[in-house]
Amino acid sequence: VIGIIRFAWEYSYTKYPCGEEEKSSMPDIISKVHYLHFGIILFG
């Protein structure tokens, strides 16, 4: 359930190319938590 929520949440936002990242409204929990770090959290 947590994995699906993370997946759907992340892909609900538009991906902007390099140089236009400031246009993204993605929250920090998605944009600043690397997927490998999220894997550690999920494992815990």
ModelCIF file with pLDDT and N, C-alpha, C, O atoms, coordinates in Angstrom:
data_MODEL
#
_entry.id   MODEL 
#
_entity.id                         1 
_entity.type                       polymer 
_entity.pdbx_number_of_molecules   1 
#
_entity_poly.entity_id                      1 
_entity_poly.type                           'polypeptide(L)' 
_entity_poly.nstd_linkage                   no 
_entity_poly.nstd_monomer                   no 
_entity_poly.pdbx_seq_one_letter_code       VIGIIRFAWEYSYTKYPCGEEEKSSMPDIISKVHYLHFGIILFG 
_entity_poly.pdbx_seq_one_letter_code_can   VIGIIRFAWEYSYTKYPCGEEEKSSMPDIISKVHYLHFGIILFG 
_entity_poly.pdbx_strand_id                 A 
#
loop_
_entity_poly_seq.entity_id 
_entity_poly_seq.num 
_entity_poly_seq.mon_id 
_entity_poly_seq.hetero 
1 1  VAL n 
1 2  ILE n 
1 3  GLY n 
1 4  ILE n 
1 5  ILE n 
1 6  ARG n 
1 7  PHE n 
1 8  ALA n 
1 9  TRP n 
1 10 GLU n 
1 11 TYR n 
1 12 SER n 
1 13 TYR n 
1 14 THR n 
1 15 LYS n 
1 16 TYR n 
1 17 PRO n 
1 18 CYS n 
1 19 GLY n 
1 20 GLU n 
1 21 GLU n 
1 22 GLU n 
1 23 LYS n 
1 24 SER n 
1 25 SER n 
1 26 MET n 
1 27 PRO n 
1 28 ASP n 
1 29 ILE n 
1 30 ILE n 
1 31 SER n 
1 32 LYS n 
1 33 VAL n 
1 34 HIS n 
1 35 TYR n 
1 36 LEU n 
1 37 HIS n 
1 38 PHE n 
1 39 GLY n 
1 40 ILE n 
1 41 ILE n 
1 42 LEU n 
1 43 PHE n 
1 44 GLY n 
#
_struct_asym.id          A 
_struct_asym.entity_id   1 
#
loop_
_ma_qa_metric.id 
_ma_qa_metric.mode 
_ma_qa_metric.name 
_ma_qa_metric.software_group_id 
_ma_qa_metric.type 
1 global pLDDT . pLDDT 
2 local  pLDDT . pLDDT 
#
_ma_qa_metric_global.metric_id      1 
_ma_qa_metric_global.metric_value   80.64 
_ma_qa_metric_global.model_id       1 
_ma_qa_metric_global.ordinal_id     1 
#
loop_
_ma_qa_metric_local.label_asym_id 
_ma_qa_metric_local.label_comp_id 
_ma_qa_metric_local.label_seq_id 
_ma_qa_metric_local.metric_id 
_ma_qa_metric_local.metric_value 
_ma_qa_metric_local.model_id 
_ma_qa_metric_local.ordinal_id 
A VAL 1  2 87.00 1 1  
A ILE 2  2 89.00 1 2  
A GLY 3  2 84.00 1 3  
A ILE 4  2 84.00 1 4  
A ILE 5  2 88.00 1 5  
A ARG 6  2 85.00 1 6  
A PHE 7  2 81.00 1 7  
A ALA 8  2 83.00 1 8  
A TRP 9  2 86.00 1 9  
A GLU 10 2 81.00 1 10 
A TYR 11 2 79.00 1 11 
A SER 12 2 82.00 1 12 
A TYR 13 2 80.00 1 13 
A THR 14 2 77.00 1 14 
A LYS 15 2 73.00 1 15 
A TYR 16 2 70.00 1 16 
A PRO 17 2 67.00 1 17 
A CYS 18 2 67.00 1 18 
A GLY 19 2 64.00 1 19 
A GLU 20 2 66.00 1 20 
A GLU 21 2 63.00 1 21 
A GLU 22 2 66.00 1 22 
A LYS 23 2 67.00 1 23 
A SER 24 2 72.00 1 24 
A SER 25 2 78.00 1 25 
A MET 26 2 80.00 1 26 
A PRO 27 2 83.00 1 27 
A ASP 28 2 80.00 1 28 
A ILE 29 2 81.00 1 29 
A ILE 30 2 81.00 1 30 
A SER 31 2 80.00 1 31 
A LYS 32 2 83.00 1 32 
A VAL 33 2 87.00 1 33 
A HIS 34 2 86.00 1 34 
A TYR 35 2 86.00 1 35 
A LEU 36 2 88.00 1 36 
A HIS 37 2 90.00 1 37 
A PHE 38 2 88.00 1 38 
A GLY 39 2 87.00 1 39 
A ILE 40 2 90.00 1 40 
A ILE 41 2 91.00 1 41 
A LEU 42 2 89.00 1 42 
A PHE 43 2 89.00 1 43 
A GLY 44 2 90.00 1 44 
#
loop_
_atom_site.group_PDB 
_atom_site.id 
_atom_site.type_symbol 
_atom_site.label_atom_id 
_atom_site.label_alt_id 
_atom_site.label_comp_id 
_atom_site.label_asym_id 
_atom_site.label_entity_id 
_atom_site.label_seq_id 
_atom_site.pdbx_PDB_ins_code 
_atom_site.Cartn_x 
_atom_site.Cartn_y 
_atom_site.Cartn_z 
_atom_site.occupancy 
_atom_site.B_iso_or_equiv 
_atom_site.pdbx_formal_charge 
_atom_site.auth_seq_id 
_atom_site.auth_comp_id 
_atom_site.auth_asym_id 
_atom_site.auth_atom_id 
_atom_site.pdbx_PDB_model_num 
ATOM 1   N N  . VAL A 1 1  ? 0.834  -1.206 0.000   1.00 87.00 ? 1  VAL A N  1 
ATOM 2   C CA . VAL A 1 1  ? 0.000  0.000  0.000   1.00 87.00 ? 1  VAL A CA 1 
ATOM 3   C C  . VAL A 1 1  ? 0.869  1.257  0.000   1.00 87.00 ? 1  VAL A C  1 
ATOM 4   O O  . VAL A 1 1  ? 0.624  2.189  -0.767  1.00 87.00 ? 1  VAL A O  1 
ATOM 5   N N  . ILE A 1 2  ? 1.878  1.276  0.861   1.00 89.00 ? 2  ILE A N  1 
ATOM 6   C CA . ILE A 1 2  ? 2.755  2.457  0.926   1.00 89.00 ? 2  ILE A CA 1 
ATOM 7   C C  . ILE A 1 2  ? 3.501  2.637  -0.387  1.00 89.00 ? 2  ILE A C  1 
ATOM 8   O O  . ILE A 1 2  ? 3.652  3.760  -0.868  1.00 89.00 ? 2  ILE A O  1 
ATOM 9   N N  . GLY A 1 3  ? 3.970  1.534  -0.970  1.00 84.00 ? 3  GLY A N  1 
ATOM 10  C CA . GLY A 1 3  ? 4.680  1.634  -2.243  1.00 84.00 ? 3  GLY A CA 1 
ATOM 11  C C  . GLY A 1 3  ? 3.804  2.162  -3.359  1.00 84.00 ? 3  GLY A C  1 
ATOM 12  O O  . GLY A 1 3  ? 4.246  2.988  -4.158  1.00 84.00 ? 3  GLY A O  1 
ATOM 13  N N  . ILE A 1 4  ? 2.554  1.691  -3.424  1.00 84.00 ? 4  ILE A N  1 
ATOM 14  C CA . ILE A 1 4  ? 1.636  2.163  -4.461  1.00 84.00 ? 4  ILE A CA 1 
ATOM 15  C C  . ILE A 1 4  ? 1.327  3.649  -4.274  1.00 84.00 ? 4  ILE A C  1 
ATOM 16  O O  . ILE A 1 4  ? 1.267  4.406  -5.242  1.00 84.00 ? 4  ILE A O  1 
ATOM 17  N N  . ILE A 1 5  ? 1.132  4.057  -3.015  1.00 88.00 ? 5  ILE A N  1 
ATOM 18  C CA . ILE A 1 5  ? 0.853  5.476  -2.738  1.00 88.00 ? 5  ILE A CA 1 
ATOM 19  C C  . ILE A 1 5  ? 2.021  6.340  -3.203  1.00 88.00 ? 5  ILE A C  1 
ATOM 20  O O  . ILE A 1 5  ? 1.816  7.360  -3.860  1.00 88.00 ? 5  ILE A O  1 
ATOM 21  N N  . ARG A 1 6  ? 3.226  5.944  -2.871  1.00 85.00 ? 6  ARG A N  1 
ATOM 22  C CA . ARG A 1 6  ? 4.405  6.705  -3.283  1.00 85.00 ? 6  ARG A CA 1 
ATOM 23  C C  . ARG A 1 6  ? 4.504  6.767  -4.807  1.00 85.00 ? 6  ARG A C  1 
ATOM 24  O O  . ARG A 1 6  ? 4.758  7.828  -5.379  1.00 85.00 ? 6  ARG A O  1 
ATOM 25  N N  . PHE A 1 7  ? 4.302  5.623  -5.455  1.00 81.00 ? 7  PHE A N  1 
ATOM 26  C CA . PHE A 1 7  ? 4.389  5.567  -6.914  1.00 81.00 ? 7  PHE A CA 1 
ATOM 27  C C  . PHE A 1 7  ? 3.356  6.474  -7.567  1.00 81.00 ? 7  PHE A C  1 
ATOM 28  O O  . PHE A 1 7  ? 3.690  7.276  -8.439  1.00 81.00 ? 7  PHE A O  1 
ATOM 29  N N  . ALA A 1 8  ? 2.092  6.347  -7.142  1.00 83.00 ? 8  ALA A N  1 
ATOM 30  C CA . ALA A 1 8  ? 1.027  7.151  -7.745  1.00 83.00 ? 8  ALA A CA 1 
ATOM 31  C C  . ALA A 1 8  ? 1.215  8.630  -7.447  1.00 83.00 ? 8  ALA A C  1 
ATOM 32  O O  . ALA A 1 8  ? 0.974  9.478  -8.305  1.00 83.00 ? 8  ALA A O  1 
ATOM 33  N N  . TRP A 1 9  ? 1.642  8.934  -6.237  1.00 86.00 ? 9  TRP A N  1 
ATOM 34  C CA . TRP A 1 9  ? 1.840  10.328 -5.835  1.00 86.00 ? 9  TRP A CA 1 
ATOM 35  C C  . TRP A 1 9  ? 2.926  10.985 -6.681  1.00 86.00 ? 9  TRP A C  1 
ATOM 36  O O  . TRP A 1 9  ? 2.758  12.102 -7.171  1.00 86.00 ? 9  TRP A O  1 
ATOM 37  N N  . GLU A 1 10 ? 4.044  10.272 -6.844  1.00 81.00 ? 10 GLU A N  1 
ATOM 38  C CA . GLU A 1 10 ? 5.157  10.850 -7.606  1.00 81.00 ? 10 GLU A CA 1 
ATOM 39  C C  . GLU A 1 10 ? 4.783  11.065 -9.065  1.00 81.00 ? 10 GLU A C  1 
ATOM 40  O O  . GLU A 1 10 ? 5.094  12.109 -9.638  1.00 81.00 ? 10 GLU A O  1 
ATOM 41  N N  . TYR A 1 11 ? 4.124  10.092 -9.665  1.00 79.00 ? 11 TYR A N  1 
ATOM 42  C CA . TYR A 1 11 ? 3.825  10.180 -11.088 1.00 79.00 ? 11 TYR A CA 1 
ATOM 43  C C  . TYR A 1 11 ? 2.573  11.001 -11.397 1.00 79.00 ? 11 TYR A C  1 
ATOM 44  O O  . TYR A 1 11 ? 2.179  11.139 -12.555 1.00 79.00 ? 11 TYR A O  1 
ATOM 45  N N  . SER A 1 12 ? 1.952  11.544 -10.347 1.00 82.00 ? 12 SER A N  1 
ATOM 46  C CA . SER A 1 12 ? 0.839  12.459 -10.588 1.00 82.00 ? 12 SER A CA 1 
ATOM 47  C C  . SER A 1 12 ? 1.320  13.867 -10.921 1.00 82.00 ? 12 SER A C  1 
ATOM 48  O O  . SER A 1 12 ? 0.536  14.719 -11.339 1.00 82.00 ? 12 SER A O  1 
ATOM 49  N N  . TYR A 1 13 ? 2.633  14.104 -10.729 1.00 80.00 ? 13 TYR A N  1 
ATOM 50  C CA . TYR A 1 13 ? 3.212  15.418 -11.021 1.00 80.00 ? 13 TYR A CA 1 
ATOM 51  C C  . TYR A 1 13 ? 3.934  15.389 -12.370 1.00 80.00 ? 13 TYR A C  1 
ATOM 52  O O  . TYR A 1 13 ? 4.459  14.358 -12.791 1.00 80.00 ? 13 TYR A O  1 
ATOM 53  N N  . THR A 1 14 ? 3.946  16.528 -13.022 1.00 77.00 ? 14 THR A N  1 
ATOM 54  C CA . THR A 1 14 ? 4.618  16.658 -14.317 1.00 77.00 ? 14 THR A CA 1 
ATOM 55  C C  . THR A 1 14 ? 6.126  16.668 -14.129 1.00 77.00 ? 14 THR A C  1 
ATOM 56  O O  . THR A 1 14 ? 6.640  17.329 -13.226 1.00 77.00 ? 14 THR A O  1 
ATOM 57  N N  . LYS A 1 15 ? 6.833  15.936 -14.980 1.00 73.00 ? 15 LYS A N  1 
ATOM 58  C CA . LYS A 1 15 ? 8.292  15.930 -14.959 1.00 73.00 ? 15 LYS A CA 1 
ATOM 59  C C  . LYS A 1 15 ? 8.804  17.027 -15.874 1.00 73.00 ? 15 LYS A C  1 
ATOM 60  O O  . LYS A 1 15 ? 8.492  17.041 -17.065 1.00 73.00 ? 15 LYS A O  1 
ATOM 61  N N  . TYR A 1 16 ? 9.586  17.946 -15.326 1.00 70.00 ? 16 TYR A N  1 
ATOM 62  C CA . TYR A 1 16 ? 10.123 19.051 -16.113 1.00 70.00 ? 16 TYR A CA 1 
ATOM 63  C C  . TYR A 1 16 ? 11.573 18.777 -16.479 1.00 70.00 ? 16 TYR A C  1 
ATOM 64  O O  . TYR A 1 16 ? 12.304 18.184 -15.686 1.00 70.00 ? 16 TYR A O  1 
ATOM 65  N N  . PRO A 1 17 ? 12.008 19.198 -17.673 1.00 67.00 ? 17 PRO A N  1 
ATOM 66  C CA . PRO A 1 17 ? 13.394 18.959 -18.098 1.00 67.00 ? 17 PRO A CA 1 
ATOM 67  C C  . PRO A 1 17 ? 14.371 19.818 -17.322 1.00 67.00 ? 17 PRO A C  1 
ATOM 68  O O  . PRO A 1 17 ? 13.982 20.711 -16.570 1.00 67.00 ? 17 PRO A O  1 
ATOM 69  N N  . CYS A 1 18 ? 15.645 19.530 -17.519 1.00 67.00 ? 18 CYS A N  1 
ATOM 70  C CA . CYS A 1 18 ? 16.701 20.266 -16.844 1.00 67.00 ? 18 CYS A CA 1 
ATOM 71  C C  . CYS A 1 18 ? 16.580 21.764 -17.130 1.00 67.00 ? 18 CYS A C  1 
ATOM 72  O O  . CYS A 1 18 ? 16.366 22.177 -18.270 1.00 67.00 ? 18 CYS A O  1 
ATOM 73  N N  . GLY A 1 19 ? 16.719 22.560 -16.083 1.00 64.00 ? 19 GLY A N  1 
ATOM 74  C CA . GLY A 1 19 ? 16.629 24.008 -16.222 1.00 64.00 ? 19 GLY A CA 1 
ATOM 75  C C  . GLY A 1 19 ? 15.258 24.567 -15.919 1.00 64.00 ? 19 GLY A C  1 
ATOM 76  O O  . GLY A 1 19 ? 15.094 25.779 -15.776 1.00 64.00 ? 19 GLY A O  1 
ATOM 77  N N  . GLU A 1 20 ? 14.255 23.677 -15.818 1.00 66.00 ? 20 GLU A N  1 
ATOM 78  C CA . GLU A 1 20 ? 12.894 24.126 -15.546 1.00 66.00 ? 20 GLU A CA 1 
ATOM 79  C C  . GLU A 1 20 ? 12.336 23.477 -14.275 1.00 66.00 ? 20 GLU A C  1 
ATOM 80  O O  . GLU A 1 20 ? 11.120 23.422 -14.089 1.00 66.00 ? 20 GLU A O  1 
ATOM 81  N N  . GLU A 1 21 ? 13.211 22.993 -13.411 1.00 63.00 ? 21 GLU A N  1 
ATOM 82  C CA . GLU A 1 21 ? 12.761 22.288 -12.214 1.00 63.00 ? 21 GLU A CA 1 
ATOM 83  C C  . GLU A 1 21 ? 11.950 23.178 -11.283 1.00 63.00 ? 21 GLU A C  1 
ATOM 84  O O  . GLU A 1 21 ? 11.103 22.688 -10.536 1.00 63.00 ? 21 GLU A O  1 
ATOM 85  N N  . GLU A 1 22 ? 12.205 24.498 -11.323 1.00 66.00 ? 22 GLU A N  1 
ATOM 86  C CA . GLU A 1 22 ? 11.494 25.391 -10.411 1.00 66.00 ? 22 GLU A CA 1 
ATOM 87  C C  . GLU A 1 22 ? 9.989  25.429 -10.679 1.00 66.00 ? 22 GLU A C  1 
ATOM 88  O O  . GLU A 1 22 ? 9.220  25.879 -9.828  1.00 66.00 ? 22 GLU A O  1 
ATOM 89  N N  . LYS A 1 23 ? 9.567  24.963 -11.846 1.00 67.00 ? 23 LYS A N  1 
ATOM 90  C CA . LYS A 1 23 ? 8.139  24.935 -12.175 1.00 67.00 ? 23 LYS A CA 1 
ATOM 91  C C  . LYS A 1 23 ? 7.401  23.818 -11.433 1.00 67.00 ? 23 LYS A C  1 
ATOM 92  O O  . LYS A 1 23 ? 6.176  23.851 -11.320 1.00 67.00 ? 23 LYS A O  1 
ATOM 93  N N  . SER A 1 24 ? 8.134  22.843 -10.935 1.00 72.00 ? 24 SER A N  1 
ATOM 94  C CA . SER A 1 24 ? 7.517  21.700 -10.301 1.00 72.00 ? 24 SER A CA 1 
ATOM 95  C C  . SER A 1 24 ? 6.947  22.071 -8.937  1.00 72.00 ? 24 SER A C  1 
ATOM 96  O O  . SER A 1 24 ? 7.573  22.808 -8.175  1.00 72.00 ? 24 SER A O  1 
ATOM 97  N N  . SER A 1 25 ? 5.765  21.560 -8.636  1.00 78.00 ? 25 SER A N  1 
ATOM 98  C CA . SER A 1 25 ? 5.124  21.774 -7.332  1.00 78.00 ? 25 SER A CA 1 
ATOM 99  C C  . SER A 1 25 ? 5.195  20.516 -6.470  1.00 78.00 ? 25 SER A C  1 
ATOM 100 O O  . SER A 1 25 ? 4.447  20.380 -5.502  1.00 78.00 ? 25 SER A O  1 
ATOM 101 N N  . MET A 1 26 ? 6.086  19.606 -6.819  1.00 80.00 ? 26 MET A N  1 
ATOM 102 C CA . MET A 1 26 ? 6.223  18.340 -6.102  1.00 80.00 ? 26 MET A CA 1 
ATOM 103 C C  . MET A 1 26 ? 6.682  18.594 -4.671  1.00 80.00 ? 26 MET A C  1 
ATOM 104 O O  . MET A 1 26 ? 7.638  19.342 -4.467  1.00 80.00 ? 26 MET A O  1 
ATOM 105 N N  . PRO A 1 27 ? 6.028  17.990 -3.663  1.00 83.00 ? 27 PRO A N  1 
ATOM 106 C CA . PRO A 1 27 ? 6.424  18.204 -2.263  1.00 83.00 ? 27 PRO A CA 1 
ATOM 107 C C  . PRO A 1 27 ? 7.789  17.605 -1.961  1.00 83.00 ? 27 PRO A C  1 
ATOM 108 O O  . PRO A 1 27 ? 8.274  16.742 -2.692  1.00 83.00 ? 27 PRO A O  1 
ATOM 109 N N  . ASP A 1 28 ? 8.400  18.065 -0.882  1.00 80.00 ? 28 ASP A N  1 
ATOM 110 C CA . ASP A 1 28 ? 9.741  17.621 -0.525  1.00 80.00 ? 28 ASP A CA 1 
ATOM 111 C C  . ASP A 1 28 ? 9.798  16.118 -0.244  1.00 80.00 ? 28 ASP A C  1 
ATOM 112 O O  . ASP A 1 28 ? 10.811 15.476 -0.525  1.00 80.00 ? 28 ASP A O  1 
ATOM 113 N N  . ILE A 1 29 ? 8.725  15.555 0.307   1.00 81.00 ? 29 ILE A N  1 
ATOM 114 C CA . ILE A 1 29 ? 8.727  14.138 0.640   1.00 81.00 ? 29 ILE A CA 1 
ATOM 115 C C  . ILE A 1 29 ? 8.901  13.284 -0.612  1.00 81.00 ? 29 ILE A C  1 
ATOM 116 O O  . ILE A 1 29 ? 9.327  12.132 -0.528  1.00 81.00 ? 29 ILE A O  1 
ATOM 117 N N  . ILE A 1 30 ? 8.574  13.842 -1.760  1.00 81.00 ? 30 ILE A N  1 
ATOM 118 C CA . ILE A 1 30 ? 8.747  13.140 -3.024  1.00 81.00 ? 30 ILE A CA 1 
ATOM 119 C C  . ILE A 1 30 ? 10.019 13.586 -3.723  1.00 81.00 ? 30 ILE A C  1 
ATOM 120 O O  . ILE A 1 30 ? 10.814 12.753 -4.158  1.00 81.00 ? 30 ILE A O  1 
ATOM 121 N N  . SER A 1 31 ? 10.219 14.898 -3.834  1.00 80.00 ? 31 SER A N  1 
ATOM 122 C CA . SER A 1 31 ? 11.332 15.422 -4.630  1.00 80.00 ? 31 SER A CA 1 
ATOM 123 C C  . SER A 1 31 ? 12.679 15.278 -3.942  1.00 80.00 ? 31 SER A C  1 
ATOM 124 O O  . SER A 1 31 ? 13.703 15.171 -4.616  1.00 80.00 ? 31 SER A O  1 
ATOM 125 N N  . LYS A 1 32 ? 12.702 15.273 -2.591  1.00 83.00 ? 32 LYS A N  1 
ATOM 126 C CA . LYS A 1 32 ? 13.981 15.277 -1.884  1.00 83.00 ? 32 LYS A CA 1 
ATOM 127 C C  . LYS A 1 32 ? 14.303 13.957 -1.195  1.00 83.00 ? 32 LYS A C  1 
ATOM 128 O O  . LYS A 1 32 ? 15.392 13.800 -0.642  1.00 83.00 ? 32 LYS A O  1 
ATOM 129 N N  . VAL A 1 33 ? 13.377 13.011 -1.221  1.00 87.00 ? 33 VAL A N  1 
ATOM 130 C CA . VAL A 1 33 ? 13.659 11.688 -0.653  1.00 87.00 ? 33 VAL A CA 1 
ATOM 131 C C  . VAL A 1 33 ? 13.942 10.737 -1.814  1.00 87.00 ? 33 VAL A C  1 
ATOM 132 O O  . VAL A 1 33 ? 13.032 10.319 -2.529  1.00 87.00 ? 33 VAL A O  1 
ATOM 133 N N  . HIS A 1 34 ? 15.206 10.406 -1.985  1.00 86.00 ? 34 HIS A N  1 
ATOM 134 C CA . HIS A 1 34 ? 15.620 9.529  -3.086  1.00 86.00 ? 34 HIS A CA 1 
ATOM 135 C C  . HIS A 1 34 ? 14.924 8.181  -2.957  1.00 86.00 ? 34 HIS A C  1 
ATOM 136 O O  . HIS A 1 34 ? 14.608 7.734  -1.854  1.00 86.00 ? 34 HIS A O  1 
ATOM 137 N N  . TYR A 1 35 ? 14.690 7.536  -4.101  1.00 86.00 ? 35 TYR A N  1 
ATOM 138 C CA . TYR A 1 35 ? 13.955 6.271  -4.061  1.00 86.00 ? 35 TYR A CA 1 
ATOM 139 C C  . TYR A 1 35 ? 14.711 5.189  -3.300  1.00 86.00 ? 35 TYR A C  1 
ATOM 140 O O  . TYR A 1 35 ? 14.091 4.305  -2.710  1.00 86.00 ? 35 TYR A O  1 
ATOM 141 N N  . LEU A 1 36 ? 16.045 5.247  -3.305  1.00 88.00 ? 36 LEU A N  1 
ATOM 142 C CA . LEU A 1 36 ? 16.812 4.288  -2.520  1.00 88.00 ? 36 LEU A CA 1 
ATOM 143 C C  . LEU A 1 36 ? 16.667 4.569  -1.028  1.00 88.00 ? 36 LEU A C  1 
ATOM 144 O O  . LEU A 1 36 ? 16.615 3.639  -0.223  1.00 88.00 ? 36 LEU A O  1 
ATOM 145 N N  . HIS A 1 37 ? 16.603 5.844  -0.656  1.00 90.00 ? 37 HIS A N  1 
ATOM 146 C CA . HIS A 1 37 ? 16.360 6.188  0.744   1.00 90.00 ? 37 HIS A CA 1 
ATOM 147 C C  . HIS A 1 37 ? 14.942 5.800  1.146   1.00 90.00 ? 37 HIS A C  1 
ATOM 148 O O  . HIS A 1 37 ? 14.714 5.334  2.262   1.00 90.00 ? 37 HIS A O  1 
ATOM 149 N N  . PHE A 1 38 ? 13.996 5.990  0.241   1.00 88.00 ? 38 PHE A N  1 
ATOM 150 C CA . PHE A 1 38 ? 12.626 5.588  0.526   1.00 88.00 ? 38 PHE A CA 1 
ATOM 151 C C  . PHE A 1 38 ? 12.547 4.082  0.736   1.00 88.00 ? 38 PHE A C  1 
ATOM 152 O O  . PHE A 1 38 ? 11.761 3.606  1.555   1.00 88.00 ? 38 PHE A O  1 
ATOM 153 N N  . GLY A 1 39 ? 13.364 3.330  -0.007  1.00 87.00 ? 39 GLY A N  1 
ATOM 154 C CA . GLY A 1 39 ? 13.405 1.888  0.183   1.00 87.00 ? 39 GLY A CA 1 
ATOM 155 C C  . GLY A 1 39 ? 13.848 1.509  1.585   1.00 87.00 ? 39 GLY A C  1 
ATOM 156 O O  . GLY A 1 39 ? 13.335 0.548  2.159   1.00 87.00 ? 39 GLY A O  1 
ATOM 157 N N  . ILE A 1 40 ? 14.800 2.256  2.145   1.00 90.00 ? 40 ILE A N  1 
ATOM 158 C CA . ILE A 1 40 ? 15.245 1.999  3.515   1.00 90.00 ? 40 ILE A CA 1 
ATOM 159 C C  . ILE A 1 40 ? 14.100 2.252  4.494   1.00 90.00 ? 40 ILE A C  1 
ATOM 160 O O  . ILE A 1 40 ? 13.847 1.453  5.396   1.00 90.00 ? 40 ILE A O  1 
ATOM 161 N N  . ILE A 1 41 ? 13.409 3.386  4.297   1.00 91.00 ? 41 ILE A N  1 
ATOM 162 C CA . ILE A 1 41 ? 12.279 3.729  5.169   1.00 91.00 ? 41 ILE A CA 1 
ATOM 163 C C  . ILE A 1 41 ? 11.198 2.657  5.086   1.00 91.00 ? 41 ILE A C  1 
ATOM 164 O O  . ILE A 1 41 ? 10.672 2.213  6.107   1.00 91.00 ? 41 ILE A O  1 
ATOM 165 N N  . LEU A 1 42 ? 10.871 2.247  3.864   1.00 89.00 ? 42 LEU A N  1 
ATOM 166 C CA . LEU A 1 42 ? 9.825  1.249  3.673   1.00 89.00 ? 42 LEU A CA 1 
ATOM 167 C C  . LEU A 1 42 ? 10.211 -0.083 4.310   1.00 89.00 ? 42 LEU A C  1 
ATOM 168 O O  . LEU A 1 42 ? 9.376  -0.747 4.924   1.00 89.00 ? 42 LEU A O  1 
ATOM 169 N N  . PHE A 1 43 ? 11.465 -0.468 4.165   1.00 89.00 ? 43 PHE A N  1 
ATOM 170 C CA . PHE A 1 43 ? 11.946 -1.706 4.788   1.00 89.00 ? 43 PHE A CA 1 
ATOM 171 C C  . PHE A 1 43 ? 11.788 -1.642 6.301   1.00 89.00 ? 43 PHE A C  1 
ATOM 172 O O  . PHE A 1 43 ? 11.381 -2.616 6.935   1.00 89.00 ? 43 PHE A O  1 
ATOM 173 N N  . GLY A 1 44 ? 12.113 -0.485 6.874   1.00 90.00 ? 44 GLY A N  1 
ATOM 174 C CA . GLY A 1 44 ? 11.966 -0.316 8.318   1.00 90.00 ? 44 GLY A CA 1 
ATOM 175 C C  . GLY A 1 44 ? 10.513 -0.421 8.764   1.00 90.00 ? 44 GLY A C  1 
ATOM 176 O O  . GLY A 1 44 ? 10.222 -0.300 9.954   1.00 90.00 ? 44 GLY A O  1 
#
